[in-house]
Amino acid sequence: MKILLFLLVFLISFIFPLAVKAEVGCQIGNTIYTSLNGNIDVTILLVVVSVRNYNNPNLSTLPPACPRATNISPITGGLGVRTCVANGNILPLGNVVNYDRLDPPIQCPLDDYSLPFAAAAGALGLFYIRRTKN
């Protein structure tokens, strides 16, 4: 029993990380670009305008995608305007955001595999019942 409890705690510690570090990226639509490639800061009448250029790789924010970005929140504060572009393109402009990267196997869609899991469990159950019926 102690070994089973130890294995359960050991596996859970790998599946659910204790701390998730927020990262900074550029959100344009449903895509977050993750690699900063440089920035330009311009001061206009005491307001700092910061434009950051992000490159691929990117993450989706939509639930079926895995890995994907979650807990997205824009970075605000101060007298500055923060905006970003992707891959050096001037348009469209995006928002500089904090996000958490969600990697498998955490919260990934298992519903797509429910039918094969049910069929395998049923076949295993039938095999067990036939074997013990002797």
C-alpha atoms as a PDB file:
ATOM      1  CA  MET A   1       0.000   0.000   0.000  1.00  0.00           C
ATOM      2  CA  LYS A   2       2.861   2.375   0.817  1.00  0.00           C
ATOM      3  CA  ILE A   3       4.486   1.672  -2.537  1.00  0.00           C
ATOM      4  CA  LEU A   4       1.228   2.436  -4.367  1.00  0.00           C
ATOM      5  CA  LEU A   5       0.830   5.717  -2.474  1.00  0.00           C
ATOM      6  CA  PHE A   6       4.444   6.651  -3.237  1.00  0.00           C
ATOM      7  CA  LEU A   7       3.973   5.918  -6.951  1.00  0.00           C
ATOM      8  CA  LEU A   8       0.763   7.961  -7.036  1.00  0.00           C
ATOM      9  CA  VAL A   9       2.432  11.000  -5.438  1.00  0.00           C
ATOM     10  CA  PHE A  10       5.467  10.572  -7.700  1.00  0.00           C
ATOM     11  CA  LEU A  11       3.361  10.524 -10.889  1.00  0.00           C
ATOM     12  CA  ILE A  12       1.189  13.447  -9.805  1.00  0.00           C
ATOM     13  CA  SER A  13       4.301  15.546  -9.155  1.00  0.00           C
ATOM     14  CA  PHE A  14       5.293  15.141 -12.811  1.00  0.00           C
ATOM     15  CA  ILE A  15       1.826  15.702 -14.253  1.00  0.00           C
ATOM     16  CA  PHE A  16       0.941  18.820 -12.264  1.00  0.00           C
ATOM     17  CA  PRO A  17       3.874  21.213 -11.887  1.00  0.00           C
ATOM     18  CA  LEU A  18       3.960  23.118  -8.600  1.00  0.00           C
ATOM     19  CA  ALA A  19       4.882  26.480 -10.103  1.00  0.00           C
ATOM     20  CA  VAL A  20       4.193  27.832 -13.574  1.00  0.00           C
ATOM     21  CA  LYS A  21       6.353  30.732 -14.672  1.00  0.00           C
ATOM     22  CA  ALA A  22       4.556  33.418 -16.648  1.00  0.00           C
ATOM     23  CA  GLU A  23       6.263  34.349 -19.892  1.00  0.00           C
ATOM     24  CA  VAL A  24       6.007  37.462 -22.070  1.00  0.00           C
ATOM     25  CA  GLY A  25       4.819  37.295 -25.655  1.00  0.00           C
ATOM     26  CA  CYS A  26       2.956  39.125 -28.417  1.00  0.00           C
ATOM     27  CA  GLN A  27      -0.719  38.331 -28.938  1.00  0.00           C
ATOM     28  CA  ILE A  28      -2.114  38.944 -32.403  1.00  0.00           C
ATOM     29  CA  GLY A  29      -5.569  37.436 -32.794  1.00  0.00           C
ATOM     30  CA  ASN A  30      -5.563  33.875 -31.451  1.00  0.00           C
ATOM     31  CA  THR A  31      -1.777  33.491 -31.762  1.00  0.00           C
ATOM     32  CA  ILE A  32       0.947  34.346 -29.274  1.00  0.00           C
ATOM     33  CA  TYR A  33       4.463  34.816 -30.661  1.00  0.00           C
ATOM     34  CA  THR A  34       7.064  33.805 -28.099  1.00  0.00           C
ATOM     35  CA  SER A  35      10.552  34.804 -29.279  1.00  0.00           C
ATOM     36  CA  LEU A  36      11.585  38.461 -28.794  1.00  0.00           C
ATOM     37  CA  ASN A  37      13.743  39.705 -31.652  1.00  0.00           C
ATOM     38  CA  GLY A  38      14.265  43.329 -30.572  1.00  0.00           C
ATOM     39  CA  ASN A  39      12.389  46.459 -29.635  1.00  0.00           C
ATOM     40  CA  ILE A  40      12.226  50.193 -30.313  1.00  0.00           C
ATOM     41  CA  ASP A  41      11.359  52.740 -27.622  1.00  0.00           C
ATOM     42  CA  VAL A  42      10.329  56.262 -28.662  1.00  0.00           C
ATOM     43  CA  THR A  43       9.379  59.090 -26.264  1.00  0.00           C
ATOM     44  CA  ILE A  44       6.630  61.410 -27.536  1.00  0.00           C
ATOM     45  CA  LEU A  45       5.556  64.200 -25.135  1.00  0.00           C
ATOM     46  CA  LEU A  46       6.527  62.256 -21.973  1.00  0.00           C
ATOM     47  CA  VAL A  47       4.824  59.079 -23.252  1.00  0.00           C
ATOM     48  CA  VAL A  48       7.067  56.146 -24.060  1.00  0.00           C
ATOM     49  CA  VAL A  49       5.914  54.132 -27.069  1.00  0.00           C
ATOM     50  CA  SER A  50       7.494  50.679 -27.072  1.00  0.00           C
ATOM     51  CA  VAL A  51       7.230  48.476 -30.161  1.00  0.00           C
ATOM     52  CA  ARG A  52       8.569  44.929 -29.783  1.00  0.00           C
ATOM     53  CA  ASN A  53       9.276  42.557 -32.656  1.00  0.00           C
ATOM     54  CA  TYR A  54       8.501  38.883 -31.945  1.00  0.00           C
ATOM     55  CA  ASN A  55       9.306  35.895 -34.148  1.00  0.00           C
ATOM     56  CA  ASN A  56       8.132  32.307 -34.315  1.00  0.00           C
ATOM     57  CA  PRO A  57       7.638  29.884 -32.607  1.00  0.00           C
ATOM     58  CA  ASN A  58       4.079  30.679 -31.729  1.00  0.00           C
ATOM     59  CA  LEU A  59       1.314  29.226 -29.577  1.00  0.00           C
ATOM     60  CA  SER A  60      -2.422  29.123 -30.133  1.00  0.00           C
ATOM     61  CA  THR A  61      -4.877  30.373 -27.522  1.00  0.00           C
ATOM     62  CA  LEU A  62      -7.724  28.122 -28.676  1.00  0.00           C
ATOM     63  CA  PRO A  63      -8.584  25.118 -26.431  1.00  0.00           C
ATOM     64  CA  PRO A  64      -8.096  22.190 -28.847  1.00  0.00           C
ATOM     65  CA  ALA A  65      -4.448  23.113 -29.451  1.00  0.00           C
ATOM     66  CA  CYS A  66      -1.846  21.488 -27.270  1.00  0.00           C
ATOM     67  CA  PRO A  67       0.604  22.985 -26.318  1.00  0.00           C
ATOM     68  CA  ARG A  68      -1.149  26.309 -26.027  1.00  0.00           C
ATOM     69  CA  ALA A  69      -1.101  29.575 -24.091  1.00  0.00           C
ATOM     70  CA  THR A  70      -3.401  30.110 -21.093  1.00  0.00           C
ATOM     71  CA  ASN A  71      -3.919  32.747 -18.392  1.00  0.00           C
ATOM     72  CA  ILE A  72      -3.310  35.552 -20.883  1.00  0.00           C
ATOM     73  CA  SER A  73      -3.185  39.064 -19.428  1.00  0.00           C
ATOM     74  CA  PRO A  74      -2.009  42.289 -21.100  1.00  0.00           C
ATOM     75  CA  ILE A  75       0.957  44.132 -19.599  1.00  0.00           C
ATOM     76  CA  THR A  76      -0.176  47.600 -18.538  1.00  0.00           C
ATOM     77  CA  GLY A  77       0.950  50.388 -16.253  1.00  0.00           C
ATOM     78  CA  GLY A  78       2.934  53.597 -16.364  1.00  0.00           C
ATOM     79  CA  LEU A  79       2.751  56.304 -18.988  1.00  0.00           C
ATOM     80  CA  GLY A  80       3.832  53.979 -21.738  1.00  0.00           C
ATOM     81  CA  VAL A  81       2.164  52.419 -24.732  1.00  0.00           C
ATOM     82  CA  ARG A  82       3.256  48.842 -25.377  1.00  0.00           C
ATOM     83  CA  THR A  83       2.572  47.204 -28.697  1.00  0.00           C
ATOM     84  CA  CYS A  84       4.197  44.491 -30.768  1.00  0.00           C
ATOM     85  CA  VAL A  85       4.533  43.124 -34.270  1.00  0.00           C
ATOM     86  CA  ALA A  86       5.242  39.620 -35.551  1.00  0.00           C
ATOM     87  CA  ASN A  87       8.093  38.601 -37.852  1.00  0.00           C
ATOM     88  CA  GLY A  88       8.981  42.230 -38.650  1.00  0.00           C
ATOM     89  CA  ASN A  89       5.612  42.994 -40.281  1.00  0.00           C
ATOM     90  CA  ILE A  90       4.324  46.491 -39.476  1.00  0.00           C
ATOM     91  CA  LEU A  91       0.677  45.389 -39.460  1.00  0.00           C
ATOM     92  CA  PRO A  92      -1.219  43.967 -37.674  1.00  0.00           C
ATOM     93  CA  LEU A  93      -0.219  45.368 -34.300  1.00  0.00           C
ATOM     94  CA  GLY A  94      -0.581  43.168 -31.255  1.00  0.00           C
ATOM     95  CA  ASN A  95      -0.585  43.401 -27.479  1.00  0.00           C
ATOM     96  CA  VAL A  96       2.329  42.530 -25.224  1.00  0.00           C
ATOM     97  CA  VAL A  97       0.948  39.932 -22.795  1.00  0.00           C
ATOM     98  CA  ASN A  98       1.919  37.624 -19.964  1.00  0.00           C
ATOM     99  CA  TYR A  99       0.914  34.005 -20.557  1.00  0.00           C
ATOM    100  CA  ASP A 100       1.420  30.516 -19.185  1.00  0.00           C
ATOM    101  CA  ARG A 101       2.495  27.728 -21.517  1.00  0.00           C
ATOM    102  CA  LEU A 102       0.298  24.657 -21.212  1.00  0.00           C
ATOM    103  CA  ASP A 103       2.161  21.530 -22.319  1.00  0.00           C
ATOM    104  CA  PRO A 104       0.875  17.983 -22.597  1.00  0.00           C
ATOM    105  CA  PRO A 105      -0.361  15.991 -20.709  1.00  0.00           C
ATOM    106  CA  ILE A 106      -2.003  18.742 -18.632  1.00  0.00           C
ATOM    107  CA  GLN A 107      -5.599  19.555 -19.657  1.00  0.00           C
ATOM    108  CA  CYS A 108      -5.184  18.208 -23.170  1.00  0.00           C
ATOM    109  CA  PRO A 109      -8.334  16.918 -24.866  1.00  0.00           C
ATOM    110  CA  LEU A 110      -8.799  13.249 -24.068  1.00  0.00           C
ATOM    111  CA  ASP A 111     -12.394  13.187 -25.356  1.00  0.00           C
ATOM    112  CA  ASP A 112     -11.098  12.373 -28.831  1.00  0.00           C
ATOM    113  CA  TYR A 113      -9.766   9.088 -27.471  1.00  0.00           C
ATOM    114  CA  SER A 114     -12.745   8.053 -25.309  1.00  0.00           C
ATOM    115  CA  LEU A 115     -14.156   5.569 -27.861  1.00  0.00           C
ATOM    116  CA  PRO A 116     -10.872   3.615 -28.261  1.00  0.00           C
ATOM    117  CA  PHE A 117     -10.415   3.618 -24.448  1.00  0.00           C
ATOM    118  CA  ALA A 118     -13.953   2.280 -23.946  1.00  0.00           C
ATOM    119  CA  ALA A 119     -13.481  -0.397 -26.635  1.00  0.00           C
ATOM    120  CA  ALA A 120     -10.176  -1.512 -25.094  1.00  0.00           C
ATOM    121  CA  ALA A 121     -11.730  -1.655 -21.604  1.00  0.00           C
ATOM    122  CA  GLY A 122     -14.695  -3.650 -22.940  1.00  0.00           C
ATOM    123  CA  ALA A 123     -12.454  -6.111 -24.769  1.00  0.00           C
ATOM    124  CA  LEU A 124     -10.319  -6.558 -21.666  1.00  0.00           C
ATOM    125  CA  GLY A 125     -13.457  -7.103 -19.562  1.00  0.00           C
ATOM    126  CA  LEU A 126     -14.801  -9.724 -21.979  1.00  0.00           C
ATOM    127  CA  PHE A 127     -11.454 -11.489 -21.991  1.00  0.00           C
ATOM    128  CA  TYR A 128     -11.393 -11.545 -18.179  1.00  0.00           C
ATOM    129  CA  ILE A 129     -15.012 -12.806 -17.891  1.00  0.00           C
ATOM    130  CA  ARG A 130     -14.436 -15.608 -20.438  1.00  0.00           C
ATOM    131  CA  ARG A 131     -11.252 -16.645 -18.699  1.00  0.00           C
ATOM    132  CA  THR A 132     -12.790 -16.847 -15.193  1.00  0.00           C
ATOM    133  CA  LYS A 133     -16.028 -18.552 -16.280  1.00  0.00           C
ATOM    134  CA  ASN A 134     -14.405 -22.012 -16.568  1.00  0.00           C
END
